[in-house]
């Protein structure tokens, strides 16, 4: 499911990139790269949780969820920052 969401998100970014300025794309890509790194951390945490049991598994899954939320917030901040760049132009 996550792969589908990532592919759809990437396709949306590619479609929008044709309309954006180079500076706007640079800003948005920086945030997107950071969010992707956070998603990778969350995936690793979830993989680790699969090898745990009980409360340790729950703690790892909760940590992964928090990282995923941070990744989404980073993407939203990137969109806002890119919009701010676009509004200046």
Protein backbone atom coordinates (compact mmCIF):
# COMPACT_ATOMS: atom_id res chain seq x y z
CA UNK A 1 0.00 0.00 0.00
CA UNK A 2 2.79 2.42 0.89
CA UNK A 3 4.43 1.78 -2.46
CA UNK A 4 1.23 2.73 -4.27
CA UNK A 5 0.93 5.93 -2.25
CA UNK A 6 4.56 6.82 -2.97
CA UNK A 7 4.11 6.15 -6.70
CA UNK A 8 0.96 8.26 -6.83
CA UNK A 9 2.67 11.04 -4.89
CA UNK A 10 5.65 10.95 -7.21
CA UNK A 11 3.40 11.01 -10.26
CA UNK A 12 1.59 14.03 -8.84
CA UNK A 13 4.88 15.81 -8.22
CA UNK A 14 6.05 15.10 -11.76
CA UNK A 15 2.81 16.46 -13.17
CA UNK A 16 3.04 19.59 -11.06
CA UNK A 17 6.74 20.07 -11.72
CA UNK A 18 6.00 21.20 -15.25
CA UNK A 19 4.26 24.28 -13.82
CA UNK A 20 6.68 25.14 -11.02
CA UNK A 21 9.71 27.41 -10.99
CA UNK A 22 13.18 25.96 -10.49
CA UNK A 23 13.43 27.56 -7.03
CA UNK A 24 10.05 26.18 -6.01
CA UNK A 25 11.07 22.71 -7.15
CA UNK A 26 14.36 22.98 -5.27
CA UNK A 27 12.58 23.85 -2.02
CA UNK A 28 9.96 21.15 -2.42
CA UNK A 29 12.54 18.51 -3.36
CA UNK A 30 14.61 19.28 -0.27
CA UNK A 31 11.60 18.68 1.98
CA UNK A 32 10.56 15.62 -0.03
CA UNK A 33 14.03 14.09 0.34
CA UNK A 34 13.91 14.63 4.08
CA UNK A 35 10.43 13.08 4.25
CA UNK A 36 11.61 10.08 2.22
CA UNK A 37 14.48 9.55 4.66
CA UNK A 38 11.99 9.62 7.53
CA UNK A 39 9.78 7.10 5.72
CA UNK A 40 12.80 4.82 5.33
CA UNK A 41 13.47 5.09 9.06
CA UNK A 42 9.84 4.20 9.78
CA UNK A 43 10.03 1.21 7.43
CA UNK A 44 13.16 0.00 9.23
CA UNK A 45 11.46 0.47 12.60
CA UNK A 46 8.45 -1.54 11.41
CA UNK A 47 10.74 -4.31 10.16
CA UNK A 48 12.42 -4.36 13.56
CA UNK A 49 9.01 -4.50 15.26
CA UNK A 50 8.21 -7.64 13.29
CA UNK A 51 11.04 -9.37 15.17
CA UNK A 52 9.81 -8.24 18.60
CA UNK A 53 6.90 -9.32 20.76
CA UNK A 54 4.56 -7.81 23.29
CA UNK A 55 5.15 -4.33 24.59
CA UNK A 56 8.48 -4.01 22.76
CA UNK A 57 6.70 -4.64 19.46
CA UNK A 58 4.02 -2.08 20.34
CA UNK A 59 6.63 0.50 21.31
CA UNK A 60 8.51 0.01 18.02
CA UNK A 61 5.28 0.26 16.01
CA UNK A 62 4.31 3.44 17.88
CA UNK A 63 7.74 4.91 17.19
CA UNK A 64 7.35 4.05 13.50
CA UNK A 65 3.93 5.74 13.46
CA UNK A 66 5.43 8.90 14.98
CA UNK A 67 8.17 8.93 12.36
CA UNK A 68 5.58 8.50 9.59
CA UNK A 69 3.60 11.41 11.01
CA UNK A 70 6.75 13.52 11.04
CA UNK A 71 7.39 12.58 7.40
CA UNK A 72 3.88 13.68 6.44
CA UNK A 73 4.28 16.94 8.36
CA UNK A 74 7.59 17.50 6.57
CA UNK A 75 5.91 16.99 3.19
CA UNK A 76 3.17 19.45 4.13
CA UNK A 77 5.76 21.98 5.29
CA UNK A 78 7.59 21.52 1.99
CA UNK A 79 4.43 22.19 0.04
CA UNK A 80 3.79 25.32 2.09
CA UNK A 81 7.36 26.53 1.61
CA UNK A 82 7.16 25.86 -2.13
CA UNK A 83 3.86 27.74 -2.29
CA UNK A 84 5.50 30.66 -0.49
CA UNK A 85 8.28 30.69 -3.07
CA UNK A 86 5.71 30.57 -5.85
CA UNK A 87 3.73 33.43 -4.30
CA UNK A 88 6.87 35.61 -4.29
CA UNK A 89 7.25 35.14 -8.02
